[in-house]
């Protein structure tokens, strides 16, 4: 009988958390567990894609991504992220998922270690393991607002450490890391000769004057950072599966070798839609962030009125991260009972590592205000009846 390769049998099963449980259950559920925007993709992006298809942009194209799209992304990252990049330092990918997989695979040898700041983004684990690497978790302190502290991360660095993965703004906690925090991480990377993989997909979704800082813009970090993003959140294009990575030209051959071996290049005509997203009107994008802010304010306010719940206001992203330890229920038990008894699906904080125990992750960006009101009513009744 054929056998699976060890990279399959020795890799942790991919866990989709409450989403998988909800899909198996079916029925009339309110989904607040999946990190997706409720908005439709803006019309100008769709129209540019249809026009490209009709114009015959249906053949092979540049392996690294359309030159005009890479140029637009380089300009955007210079203007918004403070990064000076050439189009040759941009690689268009099938979502941020492929960007991060290509980066882990390009820079990890078997046995090498990659540090995840915890609560962590769990989808990184399988990518690290498929590359032959070992995920190592650096727990951040909830009582210190999950701040990046050298003293919490440096003890996890060994002679096998190659990468530190960063998500900023942070999924799941909603933190937007300050410049001094990022400088602590940058100092560690420079002193220990490490690569930073920085997921910045929520860079435009920040609130209340919070400043998003790209760690690659700090002194000495351009040559040791791979910055990754996607069209998923800010442009409401999650199903399009479009992303990109940006890095110094000296680092680009590694990820390029992975992506060209996997898929040759990203679908040609949808890259024209992506170009319209980057170069088109910004008013619709700003309105989506304003709508996210209104949804955030509603959910945070309602959660803080529920017994046993304390919910800080997230600085960025589309997630609330309430502390529900006051209810006495473990996070996974609460998430399962919430779904079964109210039809509201949320994610257990423990899905993001032991540091998430006692928390839930609630995606307020996934529904309209009206549906969120209904969800909060159901959750409130459930908690009041406990």
Protein backbone atom coordinates (compact mmCIF):
# COMPACT_ATOMS: atom_id res chain seq x y z
CA UNK A 1 0.00 0.00 0.00
CA UNK A 2 1.24 3.55 -0.70
CA UNK A 3 2.33 5.41 2.40
CA UNK A 4 2.25 9.09 3.28
CA UNK A 5 5.50 10.98 3.53
CA UNK A 6 6.74 11.74 7.03
CA UNK A 7 6.08 15.43 6.43
CA UNK A 8 2.38 14.47 6.40
CA UNK A 9 2.26 11.89 9.18
CA UNK A 10 4.45 13.98 11.50
CA UNK A 11 2.60 17.24 10.95
CA UNK A 12 -0.17 18.34 13.31
CA UNK A 13 -3.64 17.98 11.77
CA UNK A 14 -4.89 21.33 10.52
CA UNK A 15 -7.48 22.51 13.02
CA UNK A 16 -10.26 24.83 11.89
CA UNK A 17 -11.66 25.15 15.41
CA UNK A 18 -15.31 26.06 15.81
CA UNK A 19 -15.71 26.72 12.08
CA UNK A 20 -15.34 22.99 11.36
CA UNK A 21 -17.80 22.13 14.12
CA UNK A 22 -20.30 24.67 12.82
CA UNK A 23 -20.00 23.40 9.25
CA UNK A 24 -20.64 19.84 10.42
CA UNK A 25 -23.67 20.92 12.44
CA UNK A 26 -25.26 23.09 9.78
CA UNK A 27 -28.50 24.92 10.53
CA UNK A 28 -29.30 28.57 11.08
CA UNK A 29 -26.18 29.83 12.81
CA UNK A 30 -24.71 33.30 13.29
CA UNK A 31 -21.05 32.96 12.34
CA UNK A 32 -18.71 35.11 14.41
CA UNK A 33 -15.87 32.60 14.45
CA UNK A 34 -14.47 33.08 10.96
CA UNK A 35 -12.23 36.08 10.23
CA UNK A 36 -13.89 37.43 7.12
CA UNK A 37 -15.40 40.78 6.16
CA UNK A 38 -19.16 41.05 5.75
CA UNK A 39 -18.87 43.57 2.86
CA UNK A 40 -19.02 42.59 -0.78
CA UNK A 41 -15.91 43.28 -2.88
CA UNK A 42 -16.19 46.89 -4.15
CA UNK A 43 -17.63 47.21 -7.65
CA UNK A 44 -14.63 48.92 -9.25
CA UNK A 45 -12.50 45.89 -8.39
CA UNK A 46 -15.00 43.45 -9.89
CA UNK A 47 -15.41 45.56 -13.01
CA UNK A 48 -11.66 45.73 -13.62
CA UNK A 49 -11.45 41.96 -13.30
CA UNK A 50 -14.30 41.36 -15.74
CA UNK A 51 -12.77 43.86 -18.19
CA UNK A 52 -9.43 42.05 -18.01
CA UNK A 53 -11.11 38.72 -18.67
CA UNK A 54 -12.97 40.13 -21.68
CA UNK A 55 -9.80 41.78 -22.94
CA UNK A 56 -8.12 38.38 -23.14
CA UNK A 57 -5.82 38.55 -20.12
CA UNK A 58 -6.19 34.80 -19.71
CA UNK A 59 -2.71 33.49 -20.48
CA UNK A 60 0.54 32.98 -18.61
CA UNK A 61 2.06 36.14 -17.21
CA UNK A 62 4.97 37.27 -15.06
CA UNK A 63 6.00 34.60 -12.55
CA UNK A 64 6.44 37.18 -9.80
CA UNK A 65 3.16 38.97 -10.47
CA UNK A 66 2.07 41.60 -12.98
CA UNK A 67 4.78 44.30 -13.07
CA UNK A 68 2.22 47.10 -12.84
CA UNK A 69 0.61 45.47 -9.77
CA UNK A 70 3.99 45.00 -8.09
CA UNK A 71 4.84 48.62 -8.81
CA UNK A 72 1.55 49.77 -7.28
CA UNK A 73 2.09 47.61 -4.20
CA UNK A 74 5.64 48.94 -3.78
CA UNK A 75 4.31 52.50 -3.98
CA UNK A 76 1.52 51.71 -1.45
CA UNK A 77 3.98 50.18 1.01
CA UNK A 78 6.27 53.16 0.68
CA UNK A 79 3.45 55.60 1.29
CA UNK A 80 1.65 53.71 4.06
CA UNK A 81 4.29 51.44 5.64
CA UNK A 82 7.44 53.54 5.30
CA UNK A 83 9.21 50.90 3.20
CA UNK A 84 11.34 51.79 0.18
CA UNK A 85 10.87 48.90 -2.23
CA UNK A 86 11.33 48.23 -5.92
CA UNK A 87 8.72 46.21 -7.84
CA UNK A 88 11.27 43.36 -7.94
CA UNK A 89 11.02 43.18 -4.14
CA UNK A 90 7.32 42.27 -4.29
CA UNK A 91 5.97 38.76 -4.93
CA UNK A 92 2.24 38.32 -5.64
CA UNK A 93 0.88 35.16 -3.99
CA UNK A 94 -2.27 33.10 -3.60
CA UNK A 95 -3.23 34.82 -0.37
CA UNK A 96 -1.12 35.49 2.67
CA UNK A 97 -1.36 31.76 3.35
CA UNK A 98 0.88 30.96 0.39
CA UNK A 99 3.17 33.88 1.20
CA UNK A 100 3.82 32.60 4.71
CA UNK A 101 4.14 28.98 3.58
CA UNK A 102 6.70 30.00 0.96
CA UNK A 103 8.66 32.02 3.52
CA UNK A 104 8.74 29.28 6.16
CA UNK A 105 9.69 26.68 3.56
CA UNK A 106 12.42 28.85 2.04
CA UNK A 107 14.15 29.62 5.33
CA UNK A 108 13.67 26.58 7.59
CA UNK A 109 15.72 23.40 7.42
CA UNK A 110 14.60 20.23 9.24
CA UNK A 111 14.94 20.79 12.98
CA UNK A 112 15.12 24.58 12.74
CA UNK A 113 12.88 26.49 15.14
CA UNK A 114 10.37 29.26 14.52
CA UNK A 115 9.05 31.29 17.46
CA UNK A 116 5.37 32.22 17.60
CA UNK A 117 4.23 34.92 20.02
CA UNK A 118 1.34 33.41 21.97
CA UNK A 119 -1.65 33.75 21.84
CA UNK A 120 -0.58 32.73 18.34
CA UNK A 121 -2.04 32.40 14.87
CA UNK A 122 -2.53 28.60 14.77
CA UNK A 123 -2.41 28.22 10.99
CA UNK A 124 1.34 28.91 11.10
CA UNK A 125 2.00 25.66 12.95
CA UNK A 126 1.34 23.30 10.05
CA UNK A 127 3.39 25.40 7.65
CA UNK A 128 6.38 25.34 9.99
CA UNK A 129 6.08 21.58 10.43
CA UNK A 130 5.64 20.90 6.70
CA UNK A 131 8.90 22.78 6.18
CA UNK A 132 10.54 20.42 8.70
CA UNK A 133 10.69 23.11 11.35
CA UNK A 134 9.66 23.11 15.00
CA UNK A 135 7.20 25.71 16.36
CA UNK A 136 8.25 27.24 19.68
CA UNK A 137 5.82 29.38 21.68
CA UNK A 138 6.74 32.56 23.55
CA UNK A 139 3.83 33.33 25.91
CA UNK A 140 2.90 36.99 26.24
CA UNK A 141 1.31 38.30 29.44
CA UNK A 142 -2.41 39.09 29.39
CA UNK A 143 -2.02 41.25 32.51
CA UNK A 144 0.47 43.38 30.55
CA UNK A 145 -1.88 43.71 27.56
CA UNK A 146 0.10 41.03 25.67
CA UNK A 147 2.98 43.45 25.25
CA UNK A 148 6.10 42.35 23.41
CA UNK A 149 8.82 42.00 26.05
CA UNK A 150 12.37 40.92 25.41
CA UNK A 151 12.37 39.01 28.70
CA UNK A 152 9.52 36.79 27.49
CA UNK A 153 10.98 36.03 24.07
CA UNK A 154 14.75 35.80 24.45
CA UNK A 155 14.65 32.69 26.70
CA UNK A 156 12.97 30.83 23.84
CA UNK A 157 15.85 31.53 21.43
CA UNK A 158 18.28 28.65 20.89
CA UNK A 159 21.02 27.87 18.41
CA UNK A 160 18.29 26.30 16.23
CA UNK A 161 16.10 29.41 16.09
CA UNK A 162 15.82 30.93 12.61
CA UNK A 163 12.53 32.86 12.54
CA UNK A 164 10.23 34.90 14.75
CA UNK A 165 6.69 35.22 13.37
CA UNK A 166 4.82 38.45 14.10
CA UNK A 167 1.17 39.34 13.47
CA UNK A 168 0.67 43.11 13.71
CA UNK A 169 -2.09 44.25 14.18
CA UNK A 170 -2.57 41.05 16.14
CA UNK A 171 -5.02 38.28 15.44
CA UNK A 172 -6.48 37.29 17.91
CA UNK A 173 -5.87 39.94 20.60
CA UNK A 174 -6.54 43.11 18.61
CA UNK A 175 -3.26 44.69 19.77
CA UNK A 176 -1.44 47.18 17.56
CA UNK A 177 2.17 46.95 18.72
CA UNK A 178 3.95 50.17 19.55
CA UNK A 179 7.22 51.29 18.02
CA UNK A 180 9.15 50.63 21.28
CA UNK A 181 7.74 47.09 21.46
CA UNK A 182 8.75 46.39 17.87
CA UNK A 183 12.19 47.83 18.55
CA UNK A 184 12.68 45.24 21.33
CA UNK A 185 11.84 42.51 18.82
CA UNK A 186 14.10 44.08 16.19
CA UNK A 187 17.00 44.23 18.65
CA UNK A 188 16.60 40.51 19.34
CA UNK A 189 16.48 39.69 15.63
CA UNK A 190 19.65 41.66 14.92
CA UNK A 191 21.59 40.36 17.93
CA UNK A 192 20.68 36.71 17.24
CA UNK A 193 20.72 36.97 13.41
CA UNK A 194 17.06 36.00 12.99
CA UNK A 195 14.49 36.52 10.25
CA UNK A 196 11.16 38.21 11.08
CA UNK A 197 8.03 37.07 9.23
CA UNK A 198 5.58 39.93 9.70
CA UNK A 199 1.91 39.36 8.87
CA UNK A 200 0.41 42.84 8.40
CA UNK A 201 -2.90 41.98 6.76
CA UNK A 202 -4.79 44.29 9.18
CA UNK A 203 -2.46 47.27 8.72
CA UNK A 204 -5.28 49.51 7.48
CA UNK A 205 -7.80 48.40 10.10
CA UNK A 206 -6.75 50.40 13.16
CA UNK A 207 -8.82 52.60 15.43
CA UNK A 208 -8.69 55.59 17.76
CA UNK A 209 -5.43 57.00 16.47
CA UNK A 210 -3.44 53.78 16.82
CA UNK A 211 -0.33 53.79 14.61
CA UNK A 212 0.59 50.73 12.62
CA UNK A 213 4.39 50.43 12.26
CA UNK A 214 6.00 47.96 9.86
CA UNK A 215 8.92 46.34 11.66
CA UNK A 216 10.88 46.28 8.38
CA UNK A 217 10.99 50.09 8.52
CA UNK A 218 13.09 50.05 11.72
CA UNK A 219 16.88 50.48 11.40
CA UNK A 220 18.65 47.31 10.37
CA UNK A 221 15.45 45.36 9.72
CA UNK A 222 14.90 45.71 5.98
CA UNK A 223 17.39 42.93 5.19
CA UNK A 224 15.93 40.51 7.76
CA UNK A 225 12.16 40.98 7.43
CA UNK A 226 9.61 39.42 5.12
CA UNK A 227 6.49 41.57 5.24
CA UNK A 228 3.30 39.80 4.18
CA UNK A 229 -0.19 41.06 3.46
CA UNK A 230 -3.30 40.28 1.45
CA UNK A 231 -6.36 41.76 -0.18
CA UNK A 232 -8.56 39.71 2.14
CA UNK A 233 -9.56 42.17 4.85
CA UNK A 234 -9.11 45.80 3.79
CA UNK A 235 -10.49 45.17 0.29
CA UNK A 236 -13.13 42.54 1.22
CA UNK A 237 -11.56 40.01 -1.17
CA UNK A 238 -11.19 36.92 1.04
CA UNK A 239 -12.45 34.48 -1.60
CA UNK A 240 -10.14 35.91 -4.27
CA UNK A 241 -7.11 34.35 -2.56
CA UNK A 242 -4.71 37.17 -3.37
CA UNK A 243 -1.79 38.35 -1.27
CA UNK A 244 1.81 39.44 -1.52
CA UNK A 245 5.11 39.41 0.28
CA UNK A 246 7.76 42.11 0.29
CA UNK A 247 11.40 41.64 1.14
CA UNK A 248 14.90 42.76 0.31
CA UNK A 249 16.04 41.55 -3.11
CA UNK A 250 18.63 39.32 -1.45
CA UNK A 251 15.82 37.27 0.17
CA UNK A 252 13.49 37.01 -2.82
CA UNK A 253 14.99 33.93 -4.60
CA UNK A 254 13.88 31.63 -1.77
CA UNK A 255 10.12 32.33 -1.74
CA UNK A 256 10.13 32.65 -5.54
CA UNK A 257 11.51 29.13 -5.89
CA UNK A 258 8.65 27.81 -3.75
CA UNK A 259 5.81 29.68 -5.43
CA UNK A 260 6.92 29.02 -8.99
CA UNK A 261 7.24 25.32 -8.18
CA UNK A 262 3.78 25.28 -6.56
CA UNK A 263 1.58 27.33 -8.90
CA UNK A 264 3.82 28.98 -11.55
CA UNK A 265 2.07 32.29 -10.88
CA UNK A 266 -1.18 33.75 -9.60
CA UNK A 267 -4.25 33.85 -11.87
CA UNK A 268 -3.62 36.56 -14.47
CA UNK A 269 -6.93 38.37 -14.87
CA UNK A 270 -7.72 38.70 -11.15
CA UNK A 271 -4.43 40.54 -10.72
CA UNK A 272 -5.98 43.32 -12.80
CA UNK A 273 -8.73 43.48 -10.18
CA UNK A 274 -6.06 43.67 -7.50
CA UNK A 275 -4.44 46.56 -9.38
CA UNK A 276 -7.77 48.40 -9.34
CA UNK A 277 -8.00 47.72 -5.60
CA UNK A 278 -4.60 49.29 -4.92
CA UNK A 279 -4.92 52.24 -7.29
CA UNK A 280 -8.68 52.87 -7.12
CA UNK A 281 -10.76 55.15 -4.88
CA UNK A 282 -9.93 55.01 -1.19
CA UNK A 283 -13.26 56.33 0.08
CA UNK A 284 -14.92 52.92 -0.04
CA UNK A 285 -12.01 51.40 1.92
CA UNK A 286 -12.20 54.11 4.57
CA UNK A 287 -15.94 53.55 4.87
CA UNK A 288 -15.38 49.86 5.55
CA UNK A 289 -13.03 50.74 8.42
CA UNK A 290 -15.60 53.22 9.77
CA UNK A 291 -18.21 50.46 9.64
CA UNK A 292 -15.85 48.08 11.43
CA UNK A 293 -15.36 50.70 14.14
CA UNK A 294 -19.14 50.99 14.63
CA UNK A 295 -19.46 47.21 14.83
CA UNK A 296 -16.57 47.06 17.28
CA UNK A 297 -18.13 49.68 19.53
CA UNK A 298 -21.46 47.85 19.56
CA UNK A 299 -19.96 44.45 20.39
CA UNK A 300 -17.54 45.72 23.04
CA UNK A 301 -20.26 47.75 24.73
CA UNK A 302 -22.71 44.85 24.78
CA UNK A 303 -20.11 42.33 25.97
CA UNK A 304 -19.14 44.53 28.89
CA UNK A 305 -22.76 44.51 30.06
CA UNK A 306 -22.82 40.71 30.30
CA UNK A 307 -22.16 38.93 33.61
CA UNK A 308 -18.68 37.50 34.01
CA UNK A 309 -17.34 39.25 30.90
CA UNK A 310 -14.71 41.97 30.57
CA UNK A 311 -13.85 43.10 27.05
CA UNK A 312 -11.14 45.63 26.21
CA UNK A 313 -11.60 47.65 23.06
CA UNK A 314 -9.32 46.30 20.30
CA UNK A 315 -6.86 48.76 18.82
CA UNK A 316 -7.05 47.11 15.41
CA UNK A 317 -8.30 44.06 13.43
CA UNK A 318 -11.92 42.87 13.30
CA UNK A 319 -11.86 40.83 16.52
CA UNK A 320 -13.03 41.31 20.07
CA UNK A 321 -11.09 39.31 22.67
CA UNK A 322 -13.29 39.23 25.78
CA UNK A 323 -12.18 37.73 29.08
CA UNK A 324 -14.94 35.30 30.07
CA UNK A 325 -13.09 33.62 32.92
CA UNK A 326 -15.56 35.20 35.34
CA UNK A 327 -18.24 32.83 34.09
CA UNK A 328 -16.37 29.81 35.43
CA UNK A 329 -16.59 27.97 32.11
CA UNK A 330 -13.53 26.88 30.11
CA UNK A 331 -13.31 28.72 26.79
CA UNK A 332 -13.94 25.66 24.61
CA UNK A 333 -16.91 24.57 26.72
CA UNK A 334 -18.41 28.03 26.48
CA UNK A 335 -17.92 28.22 22.71
CA UNK A 336 -19.54 24.82 22.20
CA UNK A 337 -22.48 25.54 24.51
CA UNK A 338 -22.94 28.96 22.95
CA UNK A 339 -23.27 27.39 19.52
CA UNK A 340 -25.49 24.54 20.64
CA UNK A 341 -27.80 26.60 22.85
CA UNK A 342 -27.94 29.96 21.07
CA UNK A 343 -26.83 29.37 17.47
CA UNK A 344 -24.03 31.94 17.83
CA UNK A 345 -20.64 30.60 16.76
CA UNK A 346 -17.56 32.15 18.37
CA UNK A 347 -14.01 30.82 18.68
CA UNK A 348 -12.53 29.60 21.95
CA UNK A 349 -9.48 31.58 23.02
CA UNK A 350 -7.70 28.32 23.80
CA UNK A 351 -7.63 27.66 20.04
CA UNK A 352 -4.81 30.24 20.01
CA UNK A 353 -2.77 28.49 22.67
CA UNK A 354 -2.94 28.08 26.46
CA UNK A 355 -2.51 31.85 26.87
CA UNK A 356 -5.96 32.26 25.30
CA UNK A 357 -7.75 30.19 27.93
CA UNK A 358 -10.57 32.15 29.53
CA UNK A 359 -11.06 34.22 26.37
CA UNK A 360 -13.24 34.13 23.27
CA UNK A 361 -12.45 35.55 19.85
CA UNK A 362 -15.47 37.21 18.28
CA UNK A 363 -15.29 38.50 14.71
CA UNK A 364 -17.44 41.63 14.68
CA UNK A 365 -16.42 42.32 11.07
CA UNK A 366 -18.26 39.24 9.84
CA UNK A 367 -21.86 40.49 10.24
CA UNK A 368 -24.02 43.58 9.92
CA UNK A 369 -24.95 45.70 12.93
CA UNK A 370 -28.45 44.22 12.88
CA UNK A 371 -27.17 40.63 13.00
CA UNK A 372 -24.61 41.55 15.66
CA UNK A 373 -27.40 42.96 17.82
CA UNK A 374 -29.24 39.65 17.53
CA UNK A 375 -26.09 37.71 18.38
CA UNK A 376 -25.41 39.88 21.43
CA UNK A 377 -29.02 39.43 22.61
CA UNK A 378 -28.64 35.66 22.41
CA UNK A 379 -25.28 35.69 24.17
CA UNK A 380 -26.61 37.94 26.91
CA UNK A 381 -29.55 35.63 27.59
CA UNK A 382 -27.21 32.61 27.68
CA UNK A 383 -24.83 34.24 30.15
CA UNK A 384 -27.62 35.56 32.36
CA UNK A 385 -29.07 32.04 32.56
CA UNK A 386 -25.78 30.37 33.55
